[in-house]
C-alpha atoms as a PDB file:
ATOM      1  CA  MET A   1      31.895  46.780   8.609  1.00  0.00           C
ATOM      2  CA  LYS A   2      29.909  47.901   5.562  1.00  0.00           C
ATOM      3  CA  ALA A   3      28.006  50.280   7.830  1.00  0.00           C
ATOM      4  CA  GLY A   4      31.266  51.964   8.803  1.00  0.00           C
ATOM      5  CA  VAL A   5      32.316  52.174   5.168  1.00  0.00           C
ATOM      6  CA  SER A   6      28.967  53.820   4.366  1.00  0.00           C
ATOM      7  CA  ALA A   7      29.480  56.329   7.164  1.00  0.00           C
ATOM      8  CA  ILE A   8      32.911  57.419   5.997  1.00  0.00           C
ATOM      9  CA  VAL A   9      31.844  57.600   2.323  1.00  0.00           C
ATOM     10  CA  TYR A  10      28.850  59.790   3.157  1.00  0.00           C
ATOM     11  CA  ALA A  11      30.942  61.920   5.531  1.00  0.00           C
ATOM     12  CA  VAL A  12      33.142  62.897   2.584  1.00  0.00           C
ATOM     13  CA  ARG A  13      30.143  63.246   0.278  1.00  0.00           C
ATOM     14  CA  ALA A  14      28.478  65.602   2.773  1.00  0.00           C
ATOM     15  CA  LEU A  15      31.548  67.829   2.844  1.00  0.00           C
ATOM     16  CA  LYS A  16      31.645  67.955  -0.956  1.00  0.00           C
ATOM     17  CA  GLU A  17      27.944  68.757  -1.240  1.00  0.00           C
ATOM     18  CA  ALA A  18      28.307  71.466   1.409  1.00  0.00           C
ATOM     19  CA  GLY A  19      31.024  73.076  -0.694  1.00  0.00           C
ATOM     20  CA  ALA A  20      33.766  72.602   1.907  1.00  0.00           C
ATOM     21  CA  ARG A  21      37.169  73.620   0.531  1.00  0.00           C
ATOM     22  CA  LEU A  22      39.599  71.525   2.535  1.00  0.00           C
ATOM     23  CA  ALA A  23      43.200  72.638   2.920  1.00  0.00           C
ATOM     24  CA  GLY A  24      44.357  69.009   3.050  1.00  0.00           C
ATOM     25  CA  ASP A  25      43.760  65.804   1.130  1.00  0.00           C
ATOM     26  CA  VAL A  26      41.407  63.026   2.216  1.00  0.00           C
ATOM     27  CA  LEU A  27      42.068  59.496   0.957  1.00  0.00           C
ATOM     28  CA  LEU A  28      39.425  56.777   1.093  1.00  0.00           C
ATOM     29  CA  ASP A  29      41.063  53.365   0.909  1.00  0.00           C
ATOM     30  CA  PHE A  30      38.859  50.246   0.913  1.00  0.00           C
ATOM     31  CA  VAL A  31      40.499  46.828   1.016  1.00  0.00           C
ATOM     32  CA  ILE A  32      39.787  43.130   1.431  1.00  0.00           C
ATOM     33  CA  GLU A  33      41.331  40.567   3.797  1.00  0.00           C
ATOM     34  CA  GLU A  34      40.930  42.439   7.096  1.00  0.00           C
ATOM     35  CA  GLU A  35      39.685  39.220   8.713  1.00  0.00           C
ATOM     36  CA  CYS A  36      42.291  36.941   7.150  1.00  0.00           C
ATOM     37  CA  THR A  37      45.898  38.214   7.352  1.00  0.00           C
ATOM     38  CA  GLY A  38      45.216  41.898   6.619  1.00  0.00           C
ATOM     39  CA  ASN A  39      47.084  41.675   3.333  1.00  0.00           C
ATOM     40  CA  GLY A  40      44.694  44.108   1.646  1.00  0.00           C
ATOM     41  CA  ALA A  41      45.704  47.042   3.852  1.00  0.00           C
ATOM     42  CA  LEU A  42      49.357  46.032   3.778  1.00  0.00           C
ATOM     43  CA  ALA A  43      49.395  45.828  -0.023  1.00  0.00           C
ATOM     44  CA  SER A  44      47.687  49.216  -0.333  1.00  0.00           C
ATOM     45  CA  LEU A  45      50.171  50.869   2.036  1.00  0.00           C
ATOM     46  CA  ARG A  46      53.129  49.341   0.229  1.00  0.00           C
ATOM     47  CA  ARG A  47      51.745  50.461  -3.125  1.00  0.00           C
ATOM     48  CA  ARG A  48      51.623  54.034  -1.854  1.00  0.00           C
ATOM     49  CA  ALA A  49      55.120  53.910  -0.332  1.00  0.00           C
ATOM     50  CA  GLY A  50      57.284  56.761  -1.576  1.00  0.00           C
ATOM     51  CA  ARG A  51      54.318  59.058  -2.155  1.00  0.00           C
ATOM     52  CA  ALA A  52      52.973  61.624   0.277  1.00  0.00           C
ATOM     53  CA  LYS A  53      52.254  59.851   3.564  1.00  0.00           C
ATOM     54  CA  ALA A  54      48.984  60.345   5.396  1.00  0.00           C
ATOM     55  CA  ASP A  55      49.182  62.216   8.704  1.00  0.00           C
ATOM     56  CA  ALA A  56      46.608  59.959  10.375  1.00  0.00           C
ATOM     57  CA  ALA A  57      44.018  57.275   9.627  1.00  0.00           C
ATOM     58  CA  ILE A  58      40.579  56.330  10.952  1.00  0.00           C
ATOM     59  CA  ILE A  59      39.198  52.837  10.325  1.00  0.00           C
ATOM     60  CA  PRO A  60      35.394  52.637  10.775  1.00  0.00           C
ATOM     61  CA  GLU A  61      35.250  49.361  12.711  1.00  0.00           C
ATOM     62  CA  PRO A  62      31.834  48.869  14.376  1.00  0.00           C
ATOM     63  CA  PHE A  63      33.173  49.247  17.923  1.00  0.00           C
ATOM     64  CA  GLY A  64      30.531  51.761  18.912  1.00  0.00           C
ATOM     65  CA  PRO A  65      31.188  55.183  20.508  1.00  0.00           C
ATOM     66  CA  THR A  66      34.837  54.477  21.320  1.00  0.00           C
ATOM     67  CA  GLN A  67      38.255  55.142  19.850  1.00  0.00           C
ATOM     68  CA  LEU A  68      40.782  52.330  19.664  1.00  0.00           C
ATOM     69  CA  ILE A  69      43.973  52.889  21.657  1.00  0.00           C
ATOM     70  CA  ALA A  70      45.375  49.329  21.842  1.00  0.00           C
ATOM     71  CA  GLN A  71      44.891  45.821  20.485  1.00  0.00           C
ATOM     72  CA  VAL A  72      46.348  42.351  20.944  1.00  0.00           C
ATOM     73  CA  GLY A  73      48.582  40.466  18.562  1.00  0.00           C
ATOM     74  CA  VAL A  74      47.127  37.375  16.888  1.00  0.00           C
ATOM     75  CA  LEU A  75      48.545  34.049  15.655  1.00  0.00           C
ATOM     76  CA  TRP A  76      46.903  31.128  13.898  1.00  0.00           C
ATOM     77  CA  ALA A  77      48.105  27.602  14.707  1.00  0.00           C
ATOM     78  CA  ARG A  78      47.393  24.258  13.073  1.00  0.00           C
ATOM     79  CA  ILE A  79      47.739  21.058  15.122  1.00  0.00           C
ATOM     80  CA  GLU A  80      47.833  17.644  13.437  1.00  0.00           C
ATOM     81  CA  VAL A  81      46.861  14.861  15.857  1.00  0.00           C
ATOM     82  CA  LYS A  82      47.690  11.313  14.722  1.00  0.00           C
ATOM     83  CA  GLY A  83      45.737   8.172  15.453  1.00  0.00           C
ATOM     84  CA  ALA A  84      45.622   4.633  14.041  1.00  0.00           C
ATOM     85  CA  ALA A  85      42.829   3.830  11.590  1.00  0.00           C
ATOM     86  CA  ALA A  86      40.691   0.709  11.912  1.00  0.00           C
ATOM     87  CA  HIS A  87      37.245  -0.540  10.975  1.00  0.00           C
ATOM     88  CA  VAL A  88      34.684   0.207  13.610  1.00  0.00           C
ATOM     89  CA  LEU A  89      34.408  -3.516  14.444  1.00  0.00           C
ATOM     90  CA  GLY A  90      37.883  -3.236  15.965  1.00  0.00           C
ATOM     91  CA  ALA A  91      37.431   0.221  17.491  1.00  0.00           C
ATOM     92  CA  SER A  92      37.994  -1.051  21.017  1.00  0.00           C
ATOM     93  CA  GLY A  93      40.971  -3.211  20.053  1.00  0.00           C
ATOM     94  CA  PRO A  94      44.640  -2.448  20.730  1.00  0.00           C
ATOM     95  CA  GLN A  95      45.392  -1.571  17.093  1.00  0.00           C
ATOM     96  CA  ALA A  96      42.835   1.270  16.872  1.00  0.00           C
ATOM     97  CA  VAL A  97      43.571   4.771  18.155  1.00  0.00           C
ATOM     98  CA  ASN A  98      40.880   7.412  17.637  1.00  0.00           C
ATOM     99  CA  ALA A  99      42.551  10.691  16.667  1.00  0.00           C
ATOM    100  CA  VAL A 100      39.439  12.684  17.625  1.00  0.00           C
ATOM    101  CA  GLN A 101      39.511  11.326  21.149  1.00  0.00           C
ATOM    102  CA  LYS A 102      43.231  12.078  21.408  1.00  0.00           C
ATOM    103  CA  ALA A 103      42.500  15.603  20.218  1.00  0.00           C
ATOM    104  CA  ARG A 104      40.488  16.115  23.408  1.00  0.00           C
ATOM    105  CA  ILE A 105      43.786  16.038  25.300  1.00  0.00           C
ATOM    106  CA  VAL A 106      45.105  18.765  22.999  1.00  0.00           C
ATOM    107  CA  ILE A 107      41.978  20.899  23.454  1.00  0.00           C
ATOM    108  CA  ASP A 108      42.295  20.599  27.231  1.00  0.00           C
ATOM    109  CA  ALA A 109      45.921  21.726  26.894  1.00  0.00           C
ATOM    110  CA  ILE A 110      44.864  24.748  24.805  1.00  0.00           C
ATOM    111  CA  ASN A 111      42.339  25.747  27.466  1.00  0.00           C
ATOM    112  CA  GLU A 112      45.001  25.482  30.154  1.00  0.00           C
ATOM    113  CA  LEU A 113      47.460  27.533  28.118  1.00  0.00           C
ATOM    114  CA  GLU A 114      44.784  30.223  27.717  1.00  0.00           C
ATOM    115  CA  ARG A 115      44.131  30.260  31.465  1.00  0.00           C
ATOM    116  CA  SER A 116      47.857  30.519  32.171  1.00  0.00           C
ATOM    117  CA  ALA A 117      48.347  33.344  29.641  1.00  0.00           C
ATOM    118  CA  ASN A 118      45.596  35.411  31.256  1.00  0.00           C
ATOM    119  CA  SER A 119      46.953  34.857  34.770  1.00  0.00           C
ATOM    120  CA  ARG A 120      50.322  36.443  33.971  1.00  0.00           C
ATOM    121  CA  PRO A 121      51.088  40.090  34.825  1.00  0.00           C
ATOM    122  CA  ARG A 122      49.534  42.386  32.225  1.00  0.00           C
ATOM    123  CA  PRO A 123      50.559  45.688  30.639  1.00  0.00           C
ATOM    124  CA  PRO A 124      48.794  48.638  32.342  1.00  0.00           C
ATOM    125  CA  LEU A 125      46.147  49.172  29.637  1.00  0.00           C
ATOM    126  CA  TRP A 126      45.000  45.562  29.967  1.00  0.00           C
ATOM    127  CA  ARG A 127      44.633  45.313  33.730  1.00  0.00           C
ATOM    128  CA  GLU A 128      40.932  46.197  33.676  1.00  0.00           C
ATOM    129  CA  VAL A 129      40.087  43.906  30.733  1.00  0.00           C
ATOM    130  CA  GLU A 130      38.368  40.824  32.133  1.00  0.00           C
ATOM    131  CA  HIS A 131      39.751  38.226  29.706  1.00  0.00           C
ATOM    132  CA  PRO A 132      42.175  39.841  27.242  1.00  0.00           C
ATOM    133  CA  LEU A 133      43.757  36.782  25.618  1.00  0.00           C
ATOM    134  CA  ASN A 134      41.438  34.343  23.840  1.00  0.00           C
ATOM    135  CA  TYR A 135      42.593  30.977  22.488  1.00  0.00           C
ATOM    136  CA  ASN A 136      39.886  29.695  20.161  1.00  0.00           C
ATOM    137  CA  VAL A 137      39.654  26.250  18.550  1.00  0.00           C
ATOM    138  CA  GLY A 138      37.982  27.464  15.372  1.00  0.00           C
ATOM    139  CA  THR A 139      37.984  24.379  13.132  1.00  0.00           C
ATOM    140  CA  ILE A 140      38.215  20.601  13.577  1.00  0.00           C
ATOM    141  CA  VAL A 141      38.602  18.278  10.593  1.00  0.00           C
ATOM    142  CA  ALA A 142      38.786  14.514  11.050  1.00  0.00           C
ATOM    143  CA  GLY A 143      37.747  11.143   9.712  1.00  0.00           C
ATOM    144  CA  ASP A 144      36.421   9.769   6.439  1.00  0.00           C
ATOM    145  CA  TRP A 145      33.055   8.354   7.467  1.00  0.00           C
ATOM    146  CA  PRO A 146      31.286   7.169  10.652  1.00  0.00           C
ATOM    147  CA  SER A 147      32.368   3.531  10.436  1.00  0.00           C
ATOM    148  CA  THR A 148      36.135   4.068  10.424  1.00  0.00           C
ATOM    149  CA  VAL A 149      38.270   5.013  13.422  1.00  0.00           C
ATOM    150  CA  PRO A 150      39.847   8.329  12.317  1.00  0.00           C
ATOM    151  CA  ALA A 151      43.609   8.268  11.815  1.00  0.00           C
ATOM    152  CA  GLN A 152      44.031  12.035  11.910  1.00  0.00           C
ATOM    153  CA  CYS A 153      42.396  15.079  13.466  1.00  0.00           C
ATOM    154  CA  THR A 154      43.379  18.622  12.509  1.00  0.00           C
ATOM    155  CA  LEU A 155      42.674  21.552  14.815  1.00  0.00           C
ATOM    156  CA  GLU A 156      43.049  25.191  13.791  1.00  0.00           C
ATOM    157  CA  VAL A 157      43.446  27.623  16.649  1.00  0.00           C
ATOM    158  CA  ARG A 158      43.489  31.385  17.039  1.00  0.00           C
ATOM    159  CA  LEU A 159      45.642  32.618  19.922  1.00  0.00           C
ATOM    160  CA  SER A 160      46.693  36.083  21.030  1.00  0.00           C
ATOM    161  CA  MET A 161      49.427  37.983  22.871  1.00  0.00           C
ATOM    162  CA  PHE A 162      49.967  41.384  24.429  1.00  0.00           C
ATOM    163  CA  PRO A 163      51.584  44.287  22.563  1.00  0.00           C
ATOM    164  CA  GLY A 164      55.352  44.127  22.771  1.00  0.00           C
ATOM    165  CA  GLU A 165      55.443  40.353  23.118  1.00  0.00           C
ATOM    166  CA  SER A 166      57.450  38.488  20.502  1.00  0.00           C
ATOM    167  CA  SER A 167      55.393  36.354  18.127  1.00  0.00           C
ATOM    168  CA  ARG A 168      58.346  33.959  17.918  1.00  0.00           C
ATOM    169  CA  GLU A 169      58.304  33.470  21.674  1.00  0.00           C
ATOM    170  CA  ALA A 170      54.514  33.134  21.684  1.00  0.00           C
ATOM    171  CA  ARG A 171      54.732  30.404  19.027  1.00  0.00           C
ATOM    172  CA  GLU A 172      57.443  28.545  20.921  1.00  0.00           C
ATOM    173  CA  SER A 173      55.574  28.797  24.217  1.00  0.00           C
ATOM    174  CA  PHE A 174      52.346  27.500  22.667  1.00  0.00           C
ATOM    175  CA  ALA A 175      54.024  24.569  20.901  1.00  0.00           C
ATOM    176  CA  THR A 176      55.995  23.662  24.029  1.00  0.00           C
ATOM    177  CA  GLY A 177      52.834  23.697  26.115  1.00  0.00           C
ATOM    178  CA  ILE A 178      51.071  21.356  23.690  1.00  0.00           C
ATOM    179  CA  ARG A 179      54.029  18.950  23.638  1.00  0.00           C
ATOM    180  CA  ARG A 180      54.285  18.973  27.435  1.00  0.00           C
ATOM    181  CA  ALA A 181      50.608  18.081  27.847  1.00  0.00           C
ATOM    182  CA  CYS A 182      50.779  15.341  25.209  1.00  0.00           C
ATOM    183  CA  ALA A 183      53.795  13.780  26.910  1.00  0.00           C
ATOM    184  CA  GLN A 184      51.418  12.663  29.683  1.00  0.00           C
ATOM    185  CA  ASP A 185      49.613  10.314  27.251  1.00  0.00           C
ATOM    186  CA  ALA A 186      51.384   7.124  26.155  1.00  0.00           C
ATOM    187  CA  TRP A 187      50.195   7.283  22.533  1.00  0.00           C
ATOM    188  CA  LEU A 188      50.800  11.002  22.065  1.00  0.00           C
ATOM    189  CA  ARG A 189      54.189  10.723  23.711  1.00  0.00           C
ATOM    190  CA  GLU A 190      55.226   8.283  20.974  1.00  0.00           C
ATOM    191  CA  HIS A 191      53.286  10.125  18.243  1.00  0.00           C
ATOM    192  CA  PRO A 192      53.467  13.811  19.185  1.00  0.00           C
ATOM    193  CA  PRO A 193      51.121  16.181  17.338  1.00  0.00           C
ATOM    194  CA  GLU A 194      52.659  18.472  14.740  1.00  0.00           C
ATOM    195  CA  VAL A 195      52.190  22.166  15.541  1.00  0.00           C
ATOM    196  CA  THR A 196      52.607  24.698  12.730  1.00  0.00           C
ATOM    197  CA  PHE A 197      51.640  28.340  12.301  1.00  0.00           C
ATOM    198  CA  PHE A 198      50.022  29.855   9.225  1.00  0.00           C
ATOM    199  CA  ALA A 199      48.421  32.977   7.717  1.00  0.00           C
ATOM    200  CA  PHE A 200      48.009  35.294  10.713  1.00  0.00           C
ATOM    201  CA  ASP A 201      51.113  36.602  12.500  1.00  0.00           C
ATOM    202  CA  ALA A 202      49.990  40.008  13.737  1.00  0.00           C
ATOM    203  CA  GLU A 203      51.712  42.106  16.384  1.00  0.00           C
ATOM    204  CA  GLY A 204      49.723  44.093  18.897  1.00  0.00           C
ATOM    205  CA  PHE A 205      50.145  47.803  19.531  1.00  0.00           C
ATOM    206  CA  GLU A 206      49.367  50.592  21.953  1.00  0.00           C
ATOM    207  CA  LEU A 207      48.662  54.076  20.629  1.00  0.00           C
ATOM    208  CA  GLY A 208      50.043  57.017  22.586  1.00  0.00           C
ATOM    209  CA  GLY A 209      47.261  58.918  24.318  1.00  0.00           C
ATOM    210  CA  ASP A 210      48.658  62.252  23.146  1.00  0.00           C
ATOM    211  CA  GLU A 211      48.177  61.521  19.433  1.00  0.00           C
ATOM    212  CA  GLU A 212      46.524  64.509  17.787  1.00  0.00           C
ATOM    213  CA  ILE A 213      44.056  62.397  15.800  1.00  0.00           C
ATOM    214  CA  LEU A 214      42.617  61.049  19.071  1.00  0.00           C
ATOM    215  CA  THR A 215      42.152  64.585  20.389  1.00  0.00           C
ATOM    216  CA  THR A 216      40.545  65.816  17.166  1.00  0.00           C
ATOM    217  CA  LEU A 217      38.191  62.846  16.874  1.00  0.00           C
ATOM    218  CA  GLY A 218      37.315  63.009  20.571  1.00  0.00           C
ATOM    219  CA  HIS A 219      36.478  66.712  20.351  1.00  0.00           C
ATOM    220  CA  ALA A 220      34.221  66.199  17.307  1.00  0.00           C
ATOM    221  CA  HIS A 221      32.412  63.303  18.987  1.00  0.00           C
ATOM    222  CA  GLU A 222      31.814  65.132  22.260  1.00  0.00           C
ATOM    223  CA  SER A 223      30.689  68.312  20.480  1.00  0.00           C
ATOM    224  CA  LEU A 224      28.101  66.513  18.329  1.00  0.00           C
ATOM    225  CA  VAL A 225      27.047  63.625  20.565  1.00  0.00           C
ATOM    226  CA  GLY A 226      27.299  65.334  23.938  1.00  0.00           C
ATOM    227  CA  ARG A 227      29.320  62.601  25.614  1.00  0.00           C
ATOM    228  CA  PRO A 228      33.075  62.065  25.942  1.00  0.00           C
ATOM    229  CA  LEU A 229      34.536  59.493  23.551  1.00  0.00           C
ATOM    230  CA  GLN A 230      35.731  56.494  25.545  1.00  0.00           C
ATOM    231  CA  PRO A 231      39.061  54.736  24.848  1.00  0.00           C
ATOM    232  CA  TYR A 232      38.831  51.130  23.696  1.00  0.00           C
ATOM    233  CA  VAL A 233      41.309  48.308  24.288  1.00  0.00           C
ATOM    234  CA  SER A 234      40.563  45.501  21.828  1.00  0.00           C
ATOM    235  CA  THR A 235      40.958  41.769  22.389  1.00  0.00           C
ATOM    236  CA  ALA A 236      40.959  41.345  18.593  1.00  0.00           C
ATOM    237  CA  THR A 237      43.226  42.696  15.866  1.00  0.00           C
ATOM    238  CA  THR A 238      42.489  45.274  13.167  1.00  0.00           C
ATOM    239  CA  ASP A 239      44.301  46.732  10.173  1.00  0.00           C
ATOM    240  CA  ALA A 240      45.314  49.689  12.350  1.00  0.00           C
ATOM    241  CA  ARG A 241      48.478  47.780  13.243  1.00  0.00           C
ATOM    242  CA  PHE A 242      49.958  48.269   9.756  1.00  0.00           C
ATOM    243  CA  TYR A 243      49.603  52.042   9.980  1.00  0.00           C
ATOM    244  CA  ASN A 244      50.851  52.372  13.548  1.00  0.00           C
ATOM    245  CA  LEU A 245      53.655  49.825  13.588  1.00  0.00           C
ATOM    246  CA  TYR A 246      55.156  49.825  10.094  1.00  0.00           C
ATOM    247  CA  HIS A 247      54.289  53.092   8.350  1.00  0.00           C
ATOM    248  CA  GLY A 248      54.411  55.700  11.095  1.00  0.00           C
ATOM    249  CA  ILE A 249      50.787  56.747  10.588  1.00  0.00           C
ATOM    250  CA  PRO A 250      48.770  57.146  13.811  1.00  0.00           C
ATOM    251  CA  ALA A 251      45.582  55.128  13.264  1.00  0.00           C
ATOM    252  CA  THR A 252      42.530  54.476  15.376  1.00  0.00           C
ATOM    253  CA  CYS A 253      39.139  52.826  14.893  1.00  0.00           C
ATOM    254  CA  TYR A 254      35.804  54.613  15.277  1.00  0.00           C
ATOM    255  CA  GLY A 255      32.524  53.341  13.906  1.00  0.00           C
ATOM    256  CA  PRO A 256      28.841  52.531  14.401  1.00  0.00           C
ATOM    257  CA  VAL A 257      27.175  50.482  17.119  1.00  0.00           C
ATOM    258  CA  GLY A 258      26.702  46.826  16.192  1.00  0.00           C
ATOM    259  CA  GLU A 259      26.230  43.465  17.894  1.00  0.00           C
ATOM    260  CA  ASN A 260      26.387  39.730  17.164  1.00  0.00           C
ATOM    261  CA  LEU A 261      29.515  40.154  15.043  1.00  0.00           C
ATOM    262  CA  HIS A 262      30.262  36.907  13.169  1.00  0.00           C
ATOM    263  CA  ALA A 263      27.057  35.379  14.519  1.00  0.00           C
ATOM    264  CA  PRO A 264      23.433  34.935  13.407  1.00  0.00           C
ATOM    265  CA  ASP A 265      21.357  38.121  13.423  1.00  0.00           C
ATOM    266  CA  GLU A 266      24.357  40.409  13.054  1.00  0.00           C
ATOM    267  CA  TRP A 267      23.027  43.958  13.156  1.00  0.00           C
ATOM    268  CA  VAL A 268      23.984  47.624  13.196  1.00  0.00           C
ATOM    269  CA  ASP A 269      22.093  50.559  14.681  1.00  0.00           C
ATOM    270  CA  LEU A 270      21.188  52.905  11.816  1.00  0.00           C
ATOM    271  CA  GLU A 271      21.012  56.024  13.960  1.00  0.00           C
ATOM    272  CA  SER A 272      24.581  55.357  15.067  1.00  0.00           C
ATOM    273  CA  VAL A 273      25.617  55.239  11.396  1.00  0.00           C
ATOM    274  CA  ARG A 274      24.204  58.751  10.921  1.00  0.00           C
ATOM    275  CA  GLU A 275      25.907  59.882  14.131  1.00  0.00           C
ATOM    276  CA  VAL A 276      29.276  58.501  13.027  1.00  0.00           C
ATOM    277  CA  THR A 277      28.851  60.162   9.627  1.00  0.00           C
ATOM    278  CA  ARG A 278      28.397  63.565  11.257  1.00  0.00           C
ATOM    279  CA  VAL A 279      31.354  63.062  13.608  1.00  0.00           C
ATOM    280  CA  LEU A 280      33.655  61.933  10.807  1.00  0.00           C
ATOM    281  CA  SER A 281      32.680  64.959   8.701  1.00  0.00           C
ATOM    282  CA  ALA A 282      33.499  67.285  11.587  1.00  0.00           C
ATOM    283  CA  THR A 283      36.767  65.446  12.259  1.00  0.00           C
ATOM    284  CA  ILE A 284      37.867  65.770   8.638  1.00  0.00           C
ATOM    285  CA  LEU A 285      36.994  69.451   8.547  1.00  0.00           C
ATOM    286  CA  ASP A 286      38.848  70.179  11.777  1.00  0.00           C
ATOM    287  CA  TRP A 287      41.848  68.038  10.863  1.00  0.00           C
ATOM    288  CA  CYS A 288      42.345  69.364   7.335  1.00  0.00           C
ATOM    289  CA  GLY A 289      41.230  72.915   7.941  1.00  0.00           C
ATOM    290  CA  SER A 290      39.788  75.060   5.195  1.00  0.00           C
ATOM    291  CA  GLU A 291      41.671  76.767   2.402  1.00  0.00           C
ATOM    292  CA  GLY A 292      43.608  79.724   3.721  1.00  0.00           C
ATOM    293  CA  ALA A 293      43.822  78.255   7.240  1.00  0.00           C
ATOM    294  CA  GLY A 294      46.542  75.687   6.520  1.00  0.00           C
ATOM    295  CA  ALA A 295      46.493  71.945   6.867  1.00  0.00           C
ATOM    296  CA  ARG A 296      48.065  69.481   9.245  1.00  0.00           C
END
């Protein structure tokens, strides 16, 4: 992400050093929390409410030579699985119930819910995406130490939904699916896990293909790179949703080439950073126009 930020900063710097006299304003807005709720972008947009609204926005996500046209909605769920604590000497006795082992039933249910969600009919933009909806068990917390049967196991899960789907219905469907699976186990039927939702509640969106910012960005990319800019349908969420859904600002993502995101050896291709810098400069110049030519 820092590579994309560098590209957009130097794109503006290049225009200034070249003496470009833009007929429109360019706002650089850098925020925190994109990975955890998106509150940084939301707070910045709300702070600017009532002032002149931007005509379009580009977020330099490292998605490579593509422009974002759609993304999923995302929810975070927390599942509390109860057990019955005991010393390890009685682990096989009738009074001990290992919450971690019971959580395996919940994880199997999550995997089945993910399979079911991806087997449903999809919106047109998602029909060619191999596996659009990912349900990820991201954290597991349980137990006090190795010699005690754990009385509780907490799972935190990221799940997703298609644009236009209600987050309320997605939450209800997920919780119902967990309860239904747990009803097949005698212990969990009597001690059902508690399912709550926290932090992330992000709607998905689809950007109209006729948006002028897509045309302008695509023209700049093809002119400088020599290849058409491909549309991108994302199985993750970005801050672009706040602009598109709540503030009436068409927003897309365009950034450098990178791999191993959120994994060891995360990297970005430096030549692609230079390429993106040039394309963003050309996009800004075309979008804003020069003094005397008018601005969008």
